[in-house]
Amino acid sequence: MSEPTLDMTILASLVETAGDEFVRSLIDDFIAESGEMIDVMHKALAVHDAATLHRAAHTLKSSGGYLGVTALTVRARDLEAISHGGSLADASLVSQLSGLDAEFELARAALTAWQQSAS
């Protein structure tokens, strides 16, 4: 079963706990920082730096899970697991990272749409 791009239950719970303005700020930060983390992952893969790829994937997994972007979180978790052993020899890494790129774009669109509809 594929995960939804945005789990509205998680996001609604976060809004209830932290407030709308705080969540909007978190989303803005998440979008900016996630783009940077994905760039770090691409660069790490290019130079075969498994530790950096692992850390960036872990960071993205954690922050994505907090906001409820579940499909992106699953992709980041998979990349984290693949890079955990210190080797980037897994042939699926390039396609996994491409999939992460695509999921990030979907997550960004879903979060932006939520921000606009919650105005």
PDB file of N, CA and C in Angstrom:
ATOM      1  N   MET A   1       0.851  -1.186   0.000  1.00  0.00           N
ATOM      2  CA  MET A   1       0.000   0.000   0.000  1.00  0.00           C
ATOM      3  C   MET A   1       0.892   1.242   0.000  1.00  0.00           C
ATOM      4  N   SER A   2       0.598   2.163  -0.863  1.00  0.00           N
ATOM      5  CA  SER A   2       1.408   3.374  -0.916  1.00  0.00           C
ATOM      6  C   SER A   2       0.918   4.379   0.121  1.00  0.00           C
ATOM      7  N   GLU A   3       1.842   5.131   0.599  1.00  0.00           N
ATOM      8  CA  GLU A   3       1.548   6.131   1.628  1.00  0.00           C
ATOM      9  C   GLU A   3       0.995   7.396   0.980  1.00  0.00           C
ATOM     10  N   PRO A   4       0.138   8.120   1.701  1.00  0.00           N
ATOM     11  CA  PRO A   4      -0.357   9.394   1.153  1.00  0.00           C
ATOM     12  C   PRO A   4       0.757  10.445   1.169  1.00  0.00           C
ATOM     13  N   THR A   5       0.646  11.395   0.271  1.00  0.00           N
ATOM     14  CA  THR A   5       1.619  12.480   0.253  1.00  0.00           C
ATOM     15  C   THR A   5       1.572  13.243   1.568  1.00  0.00           C
ATOM     16  N   LEU A   6       0.368  13.586   2.020  1.00  0.00           N
ATOM     17  CA  LEU A   6       0.198  14.354   3.247  1.00  0.00           C
ATOM     18  C   LEU A   6      -0.890  13.712   4.098  1.00  0.00           C
ATOM     19  N   ASP A   7      -0.521  13.334   5.301  1.00  0.00           N
ATOM     20  CA  ASP A   7      -1.481  12.766   6.243  1.00  0.00           C
ATOM     21  C   ASP A   7      -2.117  13.926   7.013  1.00  0.00           C
ATOM     22  N   MET A   8      -3.338  14.247   6.630  1.00  0.00           N
ATOM     23  CA  MET A   8      -4.024  15.394   7.228  1.00  0.00           C
ATOM     24  C   MET A   8      -4.294  15.205   8.716  1.00  0.00           C
ATOM     25  N   THR A   9      -4.393  13.970   9.178  1.00  0.00           N
ATOM     26  CA  THR A   9      -4.612  13.713  10.601  1.00  0.00           C
ATOM     27  C   THR A   9      -3.421  14.195  11.422  1.00  0.00           C
ATOM     28  N   ILE A  10      -2.234  13.893  10.932  1.00  0.00           N
ATOM     29  CA  ILE A  10      -1.015  14.332  11.632  1.00  0.00           C
ATOM     30  C   ILE A  10      -0.921  15.852  11.622  1.00  0.00           C
ATOM     31  N   LEU A  11      -1.179  16.443  10.471  1.00  0.00           N
ATOM     32  CA  LEU A  11      -1.097  17.900  10.359  1.00  0.00           C
ATOM     33  C   LEU A  11      -2.141  18.579  11.240  1.00  0.00           C
ATOM     34  N   ALA A  12      -3.356  18.059  11.251  1.00  0.00           N
ATOM     35  CA  ALA A  12      -4.414  18.640  12.082  1.00  0.00           C
ATOM     36  C   ALA A  12      -4.072  18.534  13.563  1.00  0.00           C
ATOM     37  N   SER A  13      -3.491  17.421  13.957  1.00  0.00           N
ATOM     38  CA  SER A  13      -3.087  17.247  15.353  1.00  0.00           C
ATOM     39  C   SER A  13      -1.993  18.245  15.727  1.00  0.00           C
ATOM     40  N   LEU A  14      -1.078  18.469  14.815  1.00  0.00           N
ATOM     41  CA  LEU A  14      -0.015  19.434  15.062  1.00  0.00           C
ATOM     42  C   LEU A  14      -0.575  20.848  15.189  1.00  0.00           C
ATOM     43  N   VAL A  15      -1.532  21.201  14.320  1.00  0.00           N
ATOM     44  CA  VAL A  15      -2.169  22.517  14.401  1.00  0.00           C
ATOM     45  C   VAL A  15      -2.892  22.667  15.729  1.00  0.00           C
ATOM     46  N   GLU A  16      -3.584  21.619  16.150  1.00  0.00           N
ATOM     47  CA  GLU A  16      -4.323  21.666  17.419  1.00  0.00           C
ATOM     48  C   GLU A  16      -3.378  21.860  18.599  1.00  0.00           C
ATOM     49  N   THR A  17      -2.224  21.232  18.531  1.00  0.00           N
ATOM     50  CA  THR A  17      -1.257  21.302  19.628  1.00  0.00           C
ATOM     51  C   THR A  17      -0.440  22.593  19.614  1.00  0.00           C
ATOM     52  N   ALA A  18       0.049  22.978  18.425  1.00  0.00           N
ATOM     53  CA  ALA A  18       1.008  24.075  18.347  1.00  0.00           C
ATOM     54  C   ALA A  18       0.434  25.378  17.806  1.00  0.00           C
ATOM     55  N   GLY A  19      -0.702  25.315  17.140  1.00  0.00           N
ATOM     56  CA  GLY A  19      -1.303  26.519  16.581  1.00  0.00           C
ATOM     57  C   GLY A  19      -0.981  26.706  15.111  1.00  0.00           C
ATOM     58  N   ASP A  20      -1.912  27.343  14.437  1.00  0.00           N
ATOM     59  CA  ASP A  20      -1.830  27.526  12.990  1.00  0.00           C
ATOM     60  C   ASP A  20      -0.587  28.290  12.555  1.00  0.00           C
ATOM     61  N   GLU A  21      -0.295  29.408  13.175  1.00  0.00           N
ATOM     62  CA  GLU A  21       0.847  30.231  12.758  1.00  0.00           C
ATOM     63  C   GLU A  21       2.172  29.496  12.939  1.00  0.00           C
ATOM     64  N   PHE A  22       2.286  28.762  14.036  1.00  0.00           N
ATOM     65  CA  PHE A  22       3.516  28.007  14.279  1.00  0.00           C
ATOM     66  C   PHE A  22       3.694  26.931  13.219  1.00  0.00           C
ATOM     67  N   VAL A  23       2.615  26.244  12.866  1.00  0.00           N
ATOM     68  CA  VAL A  23       2.684  25.191  11.851  1.00  0.00           C
ATOM     69  C   VAL A  23       3.033  25.794  10.490  1.00  0.00           C
ATOM     70  N   ARG A  24       2.467  26.938  10.181  1.00  0.00           N
ATOM     71  CA  ARG A  24       2.821  27.608   8.917  1.00  0.00           C
ATOM     72  C   ARG A  24       4.325  27.906   8.870  1.00  0.00           C
ATOM     73  N   SER A  25       4.859  28.359   9.974  1.00  0.00           N
ATOM     74  CA  SER A  25       6.289  28.647  10.054  1.00  0.00           C
ATOM     75  C   SER A  25       7.110  27.362   9.898  1.00  0.00           C
ATOM     76  N   LEU A  26       6.655  26.291  10.541  1.00  0.00           N
ATOM     77  CA  LEU A  26       7.333  25.003  10.404  1.00  0.00           C
ATOM     78  C   LEU A  26       7.343  24.535   8.951  1.00  0.00           C
ATOM     79  N   ILE A  27       6.226  24.710   8.279  1.00  0.00           N
ATOM     80  CA  ILE A  27       6.128  24.297   6.878  1.00  0.00           C
ATOM     81  C   ILE A  27       7.109  25.093   6.022  1.00  0.00           C
ATOM     82  N   ASP A  28       7.161  26.401   6.229  1.00  0.00           N
ATOM     83  CA  ASP A  28       8.109  27.227   5.477  1.00  0.00           C
ATOM     84  C   ASP A  28       9.546  26.752   5.709  1.00  0.00           C
ATOM     85  N   ASP A  29       9.876  26.507   6.970  1.00  0.00           N
ATOM     86  CA  ASP A  29      11.224  26.033   7.302  1.00  0.00           C
ATOM     87  C   ASP A  29      11.477  24.651   6.694  1.00  0.00           C
ATOM     88  N   PHE A  30      10.493  23.775   6.788  1.00  0.00           N
ATOM     89  CA  PHE A  30      10.634  22.422   6.256  1.00  0.00           C
ATOM     90  C   PHE A  30      10.911  22.455   4.758  1.00  0.00           C
ATOM     91  N   ILE A  31      10.160  23.248   4.035  1.00  0.00           N
ATOM     92  CA  ILE A  31      10.333  23.309   2.581  1.00  0.00           C
ATOM     93  C   ILE A  31      11.742  23.807   2.234  1.00  0.00           C
ATOM     94  N   ALA A  32      12.185  24.853   2.895  1.00  0.00           N
ATOM     95  CA  ALA A  32      13.519  25.397   2.618  1.00  0.00           C
ATOM     96  C   ALA A  32      14.616  24.409   3.013  1.00  0.00           C
ATOM     97  N   GLU A  33      14.520  23.881   4.206  1.00  0.00           N
ATOM     98  CA  GLU A  33      15.580  23.004   4.705  1.00  0.00           C
ATOM     99  C   GLU A  33      15.584  21.642   4.018  1.00  0.00           C
ATOM    100  N   SER A  34      14.420  21.159   3.629  1.00  0.00           N
ATOM    101  CA  SER A  34      14.363  19.867   2.949  1.00  0.00           C
ATOM    102  C   SER A  34      15.015  19.940   1.576  1.00  0.00           C
ATOM    103  N   GLY A  35      14.789  21.039   0.889  1.00  0.00           N
ATOM    104  CA  GLY A  35      15.462  21.228  -0.396  1.00  0.00           C
ATOM    105  C   GLY A  35      16.973  21.188  -0.237  1.00  0.00           C
ATOM    106  N   GLU A  36      17.455  21.813   0.830  1.00  0.00           N
ATOM    107  CA  GLU A  36      18.888  21.803   1.114  1.00  0.00           C
ATOM    108  C   GLU A  36      19.371  20.398   1.451  1.00  0.00           C
ATOM    109  N   MET A  37      18.594  19.657   2.248  1.00  0.00           N
ATOM    110  CA  MET A  37      18.966  18.287   2.622  1.00  0.00           C
ATOM    111  C   MET A  37      19.033  17.386   1.389  1.00  0.00           C
ATOM    112  N   ILE A  38      18.108  17.567   0.475  1.00  0.00           N
ATOM    113  CA  ILE A  38      18.108  16.757  -0.745  1.00  0.00           C
ATOM    114  C   ILE A  38      19.321  17.094  -1.606  1.00  0.00           C
ATOM    115  N   ASP A  39      19.679  18.371  -1.674  1.00  0.00           N
ATOM    116  CA  ASP A  39      20.902  18.751  -2.386  1.00  0.00           C
ATOM    117  C   ASP A  39      22.125  18.092  -1.750  1.00  0.00           C
ATOM    118  N   VAL A  40      22.168  18.081  -0.427  1.00  0.00           N
ATOM    119  CA  VAL A  40      23.268  17.424   0.296  1.00  0.00           C
ATOM    120  C   VAL A  40      23.316  15.936  -0.065  1.00  0.00           C
ATOM    121  N   MET A  41      22.155  15.289  -0.148  1.00  0.00           N
ATOM    122  CA  MET A  41      22.124  13.866  -0.487  1.00  0.00           C
ATOM    123  C   MET A  41      22.659  13.614  -1.890  1.00  0.00           C
ATOM    124  N   HIS A  42      22.279  14.458  -2.841  1.00  0.00           N
ATOM    125  CA  HIS A  42      22.791  14.307  -4.211  1.00  0.00           C
ATOM    126  C   HIS A  42      24.309  14.460  -4.233  1.00  0.00           C
ATOM    127  N   LYS A  43      24.815  15.467  -3.544  1.00  0.00           N
ATOM    128  CA  LYS A  43      26.260  15.691  -3.511  1.00  0.00           C
ATOM    129  C   LYS A  43      26.973  14.545  -2.812  1.00  0.00           C
ATOM    130  N   ALA A  44      26.392  14.049  -1.728  1.00  0.00           N
ATOM    131  CA  ALA A  44      26.995  12.935  -0.993  1.00  0.00           C
ATOM    132  C   ALA A  44      27.055  11.675  -1.860  1.00  0.00           C
ATOM    133  N   LEU A  45      25.991  11.422  -2.598  1.00  0.00           N
ATOM    134  CA  LEU A  45      25.990  10.263  -3.487  1.00  0.00           C
ATOM    135  C   LEU A  45      27.065  10.415  -4.563  1.00  0.00           C
ATOM    136  N   ALA A  46      27.217  11.617  -5.096  1.00  0.00           N
ATOM    137  CA  ALA A  46      28.197  11.857  -6.164  1.00  0.00           C
ATOM    138  C   ALA A  46      29.632  11.591  -5.705  1.00  0.00           C
ATOM    139  N   VAL A  47      29.914  11.849  -4.432  1.00  0.00           N
ATOM    140  CA  VAL A  47      31.276  11.641  -3.915  1.00  0.00           C
ATOM    141  C   VAL A  47      31.377  10.403  -3.028  1.00  0.00           C
ATOM    142  N   HIS A  48      30.329   9.587  -3.028  1.00  0.00           N
ATOM    143  CA  HIS A  48      30.287   8.324  -2.269  1.00  0.00           C
ATOM    144  C   HIS A  48      30.480   8.539  -0.765  1.00  0.00           C
ATOM    145  N   ASP A  49      29.815   9.542  -0.231  1.00  0.00           N
ATOM    146  CA  ASP A  49      29.892   9.861   1.196  1.00  0.00           C
ATOM    147  C   ASP A  49      28.643   9.320   1.893  1.00  0.00           C
ATOM    148  N   ALA A  50      28.725   8.060   2.304  1.00  0.00           N
ATOM    149  CA  ALA A  50      27.571   7.384   2.889  1.00  0.00           C
ATOM    150  C   ALA A  50      27.129   8.017   4.205  1.00  0.00           C
ATOM    151  N   ALA A  51      28.071   8.459   5.012  1.00  0.00           N
ATOM    152  CA  ALA A  51      27.722   9.034   6.315  1.00  0.00           C
ATOM    153  C   ALA A  51      26.894  10.310   6.154  1.00  0.00           C
ATOM    154  N   THR A  52      27.291  11.161   5.224  1.00  0.00           N
ATOM    155  CA  THR A  52      26.554  12.404   4.994  1.00  0.00           C
ATOM    156  C   THR A  52      25.178  12.106   4.419  1.00  0.00           C
ATOM    157  N   LEU A  53      25.097  11.179   3.479  1.00  0.00           N
ATOM    158  CA  LEU A  53      23.808  10.788   2.914  1.00  0.00           C
ATOM    159  C   LEU A  53      22.904  10.232   4.001  1.00  0.00           C
ATOM    160  N   HIS A  54      23.457   9.405   4.855  1.00  0.00           N
ATOM    161  CA  HIS A  54      22.689   8.808   5.952  1.00  0.00           C
ATOM    162  C   HIS A  54      22.131   9.875   6.888  1.00  0.00           C
ATOM    163  N   ARG A  55      22.965  10.819   7.300  1.00  0.00           N
ATOM    164  CA  ARG A  55      22.521  11.890   8.215  1.00  0.00           C
ATOM    165  C   ARG A  55      21.433  12.745   7.583  1.00  0.00           C
ATOM    166  N   ALA A  56      21.621  13.114   6.317  1.00  0.00           N
ATOM    167  CA  ALA A  56      20.631  13.960   5.642  1.00  0.00           C
ATOM    168  C   ALA A  56      19.304  13.210   5.482  1.00  0.00           C
ATOM    169  N   ALA A  57      19.369  11.932   5.133  1.00  0.00           N
ATOM    170  CA  ALA A  57      18.147  11.141   4.995  1.00  0.00           C
ATOM    171  C   ALA A  57      17.439  11.002   6.342  1.00  0.00           C
ATOM    172  N   HIS A  58      18.213  10.811   7.394  1.00  0.00           N
ATOM    173  CA  HIS A  58      17.632  10.701   8.740  1.00  0.00           C
ATOM    174  C   HIS A  58      16.940  12.004   9.141  1.00  0.00           C
ATOM    175  N   THR A  59      17.583  13.110   8.884  1.00  0.00           N
ATOM    176  CA  THR A  59      17.011  14.420   9.214  1.00  0.00           C
ATOM    177  C   THR A  59      15.713  14.648   8.454  1.00  0.00           C
ATOM    178  N   LEU A  60      15.723  14.347   7.165  1.00  0.00           N
ATOM    179  CA  LEU A  60      14.530  14.520   6.345  1.00  0.00           C
ATOM    180  C   LEU A  60      13.410  13.589   6.794  1.00  0.00           C
ATOM    181  N   LYS A  61      13.758  12.370   7.128  1.00  0.00           N
ATOM    182  CA  LYS A  61      12.769  11.400   7.623  1.00  0.00           C
ATOM    183  C   LYS A  61      12.094  11.919   8.894  1.00  0.00           C
ATOM    184  N   SER A  62      12.889  12.410   9.801  1.00  0.00           N
ATOM    185  CA  SER A  62      12.350  12.875  11.080  1.00  0.00           C
ATOM    186  C   SER A  62      11.462  14.096  10.922  1.00  0.00           C
ATOM    187  N   SER A  63      11.933  15.089  10.191  1.00  0.00           N
ATOM    188  CA  SER A  63      11.136  16.309  10.046  1.00  0.00           C
ATOM    189  C   SER A  63       9.906  16.077   9.178  1.00  0.00           C
ATOM    190  N   GLY A  64      10.019  15.233   8.179  1.00  0.00           N
ATOM    191  CA  GLY A  64       8.866  14.915   7.344  1.00  0.00           C
ATOM    192  C   GLY A  64       7.792  14.169   8.113  1.00  0.00           C
ATOM    193  N   GLY A  65       8.215  13.257   8.968  1.00  0.00           N
ATOM    194  CA  GLY A  65       7.262  12.511   9.787  1.00  0.00           C
ATOM    195  C   GLY A  65       6.509  13.420  10.737  1.00  0.00           C
ATOM    196  N   TYR A  66       7.201  14.408  11.257  1.00  0.00           N
ATOM    197  CA  TYR A  66       6.585  15.354  12.189  1.00  0.00           C
ATOM    198  C   TYR A  66       5.452  16.141  11.537  1.00  0.00           C
ATOM    199  N   LEU A  67       5.631  16.470  10.242  1.00  0.00           N
ATOM    200  CA  LEU A  67       4.606  17.244   9.532  1.00  0.00           C
ATOM    201  C   LEU A  67       3.569  16.379   8.821  1.00  0.00           C
ATOM    202  N   GLY A  68       3.816  15.082   8.746  1.00  0.00           N
ATOM    203  CA  GLY A  68       2.843  14.195   8.119  1.00  0.00           C
ATOM    204  C   GLY A  68       3.014  14.002   6.627  1.00  0.00           C
ATOM    205  N   VAL A  69       4.188  14.304   6.085  1.00  0.00           N
ATOM    206  CA  VAL A  69       4.425  14.036   4.665  1.00  0.00           C
ATOM    207  C   VAL A  69       4.964  12.605   4.564  1.00  0.00           C
ATOM    208  N   THR A  70       4.033  11.668   4.651  1.00  0.00           N
ATOM    209  CA  THR A  70       4.383  10.272   4.870  1.00  0.00           C
ATOM    210  C   THR A  70       5.097   9.608   3.696  1.00  0.00           C
ATOM    211  N   ALA A  71       4.702   9.885   2.470  1.00  0.00           N
ATOM    212  CA  ALA A  71       5.372   9.250   1.330  1.00  0.00           C
ATOM    213  C   ALA A  71       6.829   9.704   1.250  1.00  0.00           C
ATOM    214  N   LEU A  72       7.081  10.972   1.494  1.00  0.00           N
ATOM    215  CA  LEU A  72       8.446  11.491   1.511  1.00  0.00           C
ATOM    216  C   LEU A  72       9.229  10.860   2.659  1.00  0.00           C
ATOM    217  N   THR A  73       8.591  10.711   3.797  1.00  0.00           N
ATOM    218  CA  THR A  73       9.233  10.119   4.965  1.00  0.00           C
ATOM    219  C   THR A  73       9.653   8.677   4.675  1.00  0.00           C
ATOM    220  N   VAL A  74       8.809   7.931   3.999  1.00  0.00           N
ATOM    221  CA  VAL A  74       9.132   6.545   3.647  1.00  0.00           C
ATOM    222  C   VAL A  74      10.333   6.507   2.703  1.00  0.00           C
ATOM    223  N   ARG A  75      10.353   7.377   1.713  1.00  0.00           N
ATOM    224  CA  ARG A  75      11.500   7.439   0.789  1.00  0.00           C
ATOM    225  C   ARG A  75      12.784   7.774   1.541  1.00  0.00           C
ATOM    226  N   ALA A  76      12.710   8.743   2.442  1.00  0.00           N
ATOM    227  CA  ALA A  76      13.895   9.127   3.219  1.00  0.00           C
ATOM    228  C   ALA A  76      14.336   7.976   4.115  1.00  0.00           C
ATOM    229  N   ARG A  77      13.383   7.278   4.712  1.00  0.00           N
ATOM    230  CA  ARG A  77      13.705   6.130   5.564  1.00  0.00           C
ATOM    231  C   ARG A  77      14.418   5.048   4.757  1.00  0.00           C
ATOM    232  N   ASP A  78      13.945   4.806   3.537  1.00  0.00           N
ATOM    233  CA  ASP A  78      14.582   3.799   2.681  1.00  0.00           C
ATOM    234  C   ASP A  78      16.019   4.191   2.344  1.00  0.00           C
ATOM    235  N   LEU A  79      16.235   5.457   2.022  1.00  0.00           N
ATOM    236  CA  LEU A  79      17.595   5.932   1.735  1.00  0.00           C
ATOM    237  C   LEU A  79      18.481   5.860   2.974  1.00  0.00           C
ATOM    238  N   GLU A  80      17.911   6.162   4.108  1.00  0.00           N
ATOM    239  CA  GLU A  80      18.657   6.067   5.360  1.00  0.00           C
ATOM    240  C   GLU A  80      19.109   4.629   5.587  1.00  0.00           C
ATOM    241  N   ALA A  81      18.218   3.682   5.369  1.00  0.00           N
ATOM    242  CA  ALA A  81      18.536   2.268   5.585  1.00  0.00           C
ATOM    243  C   ALA A  81      19.611   1.780   4.605  1.00  0.00           C
ATOM    244  N   ILE A  82      19.471   2.167   3.352  1.00  0.00           N
ATOM    245  CA  ILE A  82      20.443   1.732   2.339  1.00  0.00           C
ATOM    246  C   ILE A  82      21.830   2.275   2.656  1.00  0.00           C
ATOM    247  N   SER A  83      21.913   3.503   3.087  1.00  0.00           N
ATOM    248  CA  SER A  83      23.214   4.135   3.336  1.00  0.00           C
ATOM    249  C   SER A  83      23.776   3.817   4.712  1.00  0.00           C
ATOM    250  N   HIS A  84      23.005   3.169   5.557  1.00  0.00           N
ATOM    251  CA  HIS A  84      23.420   2.906   6.938  1.00  0.00           C
ATOM    252  C   HIS A  84      24.704   2.085   7.029  1.00  0.00           C
ATOM    253  N   GLY A  85      24.878   1.141   6.155  1.00  0.00           N
ATOM    254  CA  GLY A  85      26.047   0.269   6.230  1.00  0.00           C
ATOM    255  C   GLY A  85      27.347   0.915   5.797  1.00  0.00           C
ATOM    256  N   GLY A  86      27.281   2.133   5.288  1.00  0.00           N
ATOM    257  CA  GLY A  86      28.491   2.830   4.885  1.00  0.00           C
ATOM    258  C   GLY A  86      28.862   2.639   3.430  1.00  0.00           C
ATOM    259  N   SER A  87      28.089   1.828   2.731  1.00  0.00           N
ATOM    260  CA  SER A  87      28.381   1.600   1.318  1.00  0.00           C
ATOM    261  C   SER A  87      27.294   2.217   0.461  1.00  0.00           C
ATOM    262  N   LEU A  88      27.705   2.835  -0.624  1.00  0.00           N
ATOM    263  CA  LEU A  88      26.743   3.401  -1.564  1.00  0.00           C
ATOM    264  C   LEU A  88      26.760   2.607  -2.865  1.00  0.00           C
ATOM    265  N   ALA A  89      27.070   1.307  -2.751  1.00  0.00           N
ATOM    266  CA  ALA A  89      27.159   0.453  -3.931  1.00  0.00           C
ATOM    267  C   ALA A  89      25.794  -0.049  -4.398  1.00  0.00           C
ATOM    268  N   ASP A  90      24.769   0.153  -3.605  1.00  0.00           N
ATOM    269  CA  ASP A  90      23.434  -0.326  -3.969  1.00  0.00           C
ATOM    270  C   ASP A  90      22.975   0.365  -5.252  1.00  0.00           C
ATOM    271  N   ALA A  91      22.675  -0.429  -6.236  1.00  0.00           N
ATOM    272  CA  ALA A  91      22.300   0.108  -7.549  1.00  0.00           C
ATOM    273  C   ALA A  91      21.002   0.901  -7.515  1.00  0.00           C
ATOM    274  N   SER A  92      20.188   0.675  -6.513  1.00  0.00           N
ATOM    275  CA  SER A  92      18.895   1.361  -6.448  1.00  0.00           C
ATOM    276  C   SER A  92      19.001   2.783  -5.900  1.00  0.00           C
ATOM    277  N   LEU A  93      20.160   3.198  -5.421  1.00  0.00           N
ATOM    278  CA  LEU A  93      20.281   4.521  -4.796  1.00  0.00           C
ATOM    279  C   LEU A  93      19.906   5.665  -5.720  1.00  0.00           C
ATOM    280  N   VAL A  94      20.325   5.611  -6.956  1.00  0.00           N
ATOM    281  CA  VAL A  94      20.023   6.699  -7.884  1.00  0.00           C
ATOM    282  C   VAL A  94      18.517   6.789  -8.103  1.00  0.00           C
ATOM    283  N   SER A  95      17.869   5.647  -8.315  1.00  0.00           N
ATOM    284  CA  SER A  95      16.410   5.686  -8.513  1.00  0.00           C
ATOM    285  C   SER A  95      15.688   6.049  -7.225  1.00  0.00           C
ATOM    286  N   GLN A  96      16.211   5.613  -6.087  1.00  0.00           N
ATOM    287  CA  GLN A  96      15.610   5.997  -4.804  1.00  0.00           C
ATOM    288  C   GLN A  96      15.689   7.506  -4.600  1.00  0.00           C
ATOM    289  N   LEU A  97      16.821   8.080  -4.933  1.00  0.00           N
ATOM    290  CA  LEU A  97      16.985   9.525  -4.764  1.00  0.00           C
ATOM    291  C   LEU A  97      16.111  10.291  -5.758  1.00  0.00           C
ATOM    292  N   SER A  98      15.961   9.776  -6.960  1.00  0.00           N
ATOM    293  CA  SER A  98      15.044  10.395  -7.925  1.00  0.00           C
ATOM    294  C   SER A  98      13.611  10.333  -7.422  1.00  0.00           C
ATOM    295  N   GLY A  99      13.251   9.208  -6.823  1.00  0.00           N
ATOM    296  CA  GLY A  99      11.920   9.068  -6.236  1.00  0.00           C
ATOM    297  C   GLY A  99      11.713  10.043  -5.089  1.00  0.00           C
ATOM    298  N   LEU A 100      12.762  10.258  -4.306  1.00  0.00           N
ATOM    299  CA  LEU A 100      12.693  11.227  -3.211  1.00  0.00           C
ATOM    300  C   LEU A 100      12.480  12.636  -3.753  1.00  0.00           C
ATOM    301  N   ASP A 101      13.185  12.960  -4.830  1.00  0.00           N
ATOM    302  CA  ASP A 101      13.002  14.269  -5.469  1.00  0.00           C
ATOM    303  C   ASP A 101      11.529  14.470  -5.853  1.00  0.00           C
ATOM    304  N   ALA A 102      10.956  13.464  -6.484  1.00  0.00           N
ATOM    305  CA  ALA A 102       9.561  13.554  -6.926  1.00  0.00           C
ATOM    306  C   ALA A 102       8.612  13.677  -5.740  1.00  0.00           C
ATOM    307  N   GLU A 103       8.853  12.896  -4.697  1.00  0.00           N
ATOM    308  CA  GLU A 103       8.000  12.972  -3.504  1.00  0.00           C
ATOM    309  C   GLU A 103       8.121  14.322  -2.809  1.00  0.00           C
ATOM    310  N   PHE A 104       9.317  14.904  -2.841  1.00  0.00           N
ATOM    311  CA  PHE A 104       9.483  16.226  -2.241  1.00  0.00           C
ATOM    312  C   PHE A 104       8.636  17.257  -2.971  1.00  0.00           C
ATOM    313  N   GLU A 105       8.629  17.191  -4.290  1.00  0.00           N
ATOM    314  CA  GLU A 105       7.812  18.136  -5.060  1.00  0.00           C
ATOM    315  C   GLU A 105       6.326  17.962  -4.740  1.00  0.00           C
ATOM    316  N   LEU A 106       5.883  16.728  -4.603  1.00  0.00           N
ATOM    317  CA  LEU A 106       4.481  16.481  -4.228  1.00  0.00           C
ATOM    318  C   LEU A 106       4.192  16.994  -2.815  1.00  0.00           C
ATOM    319  N   ALA A 107       5.121  16.748  -1.890  1.00  0.00           N
ATOM    320  CA  ALA A 107       4.942  17.204  -0.512  1.00  0.00           C
ATOM    321  C   ALA A 107       4.917  18.727  -0.444  1.00  0.00           C
ATOM    322  N   ARG A 108       5.820  19.357  -1.176  1.00  0.00           N
ATOM    323  CA  ARG A 108       5.850  20.824  -1.192  1.00  0.00           C
ATOM    324  C   ARG A 108       4.523  21.370  -1.716  1.00  0.00           C
ATOM    325  N   ALA A 109       4.016  20.777  -2.785  1.00  0.00           N
ATOM    326  CA  ALA A 109       2.743  21.230  -3.356  1.00  0.00           C
ATOM    327  C   ALA A 109       1.595  21.018  -2.373  1.00  0.00           C
ATOM    328  N   ALA A 110       1.574  19.879  -1.712  1.00  0.00           N
ATOM    329  CA  ALA A 110       0.485  19.580  -0.752  1.00  0.00           C
ATOM    330  C   ALA A 110       0.553  20.517   0.449  1.00  0.00           C
ATOM    331  N   LEU A 111       1.733  20.761   0.968  1.00  0.00           N
ATOM    332  CA  LEU A 111       1.872  21.658   2.121  1.00  0.00           C
ATOM    333  C   LEU A 111       1.527  23.096   1.744  1.00  0.00           C
ATOM    334  N   THR A 112       1.953  23.521   0.570  1.00  0.00           N
ATOM    335  CA  THR A 112       1.639  24.871   0.097  1.00  0.00           C
ATOM    336  C   THR A 112       0.130  25.026  -0.108  1.00  0.00           C
ATOM    337  N   ALA A 113      -0.495  23.997  -0.678  1.00  0.00           N
ATOM    338  CA  ALA A 113      -1.952  24.022  -0.874  1.00  0.00           C
ATOM    339  C   ALA A 113      -2.663  24.101   0.479  1.00  0.00           C
ATOM    340  N   TRP A 114      -2.162  23.368   1.475  1.00  0.00           N
ATOM    341  CA  TRP A 114      -2.766  23.430   2.811  1.00  0.00           C
ATOM    342  C   TRP A 114      -2.635  24.842   3.378  1.00  0.00           C
ATOM    343  N   GLN A 115      -1.452  25.437   3.242  1.00  0.00           N
ATOM    344  CA  GLN A 115      -1.259  26.796   3.738  1.00  0.00           C
ATOM    345  C   GLN A 115      -2.236  27.761   3.089  1.00  0.00           C
ATOM    346  N   GLN A 116      -2.455  27.625   1.790  1.00  0.00           N
ATOM    347  CA  GLN A 116      -3.354  28.526   1.088  1.00  0.00           C
ATOM    348  C   GLN A 116      -4.814  28.283   1.473  1.00  0.00           C
ATOM    349  N   SER A 117      -5.181  27.034   1.674  1.00  0.00           N
ATOM    350  CA  SER A 117      -6.583  26.744   2.010  1.00  0.00           C
ATOM    351  C   SER A 117      -6.899  27.064   3.460  1.00  0.00           C
ATOM    352  N   ALA A 118      -5.895  27.070   4.303  1.00  0.00           N
ATOM    353  CA  ALA A 118      -6.108  27.348   5.723  1.00  0.00           C
ATOM    354  C   ALA A 118      -6.083  28.851   6.011  1.00  0.00           C
ATOM    355  N   SER A 119      -5.892  29.656   4.984  1.00  0.00           N
ATOM    356  CA  SER A 119      -5.822  31.110   5.183  1.00  0.00           C
ATOM    357  C   SER A 119      -7.183  31.689   5.516  1.00  0.00           C
TER     358      SER A 119
END
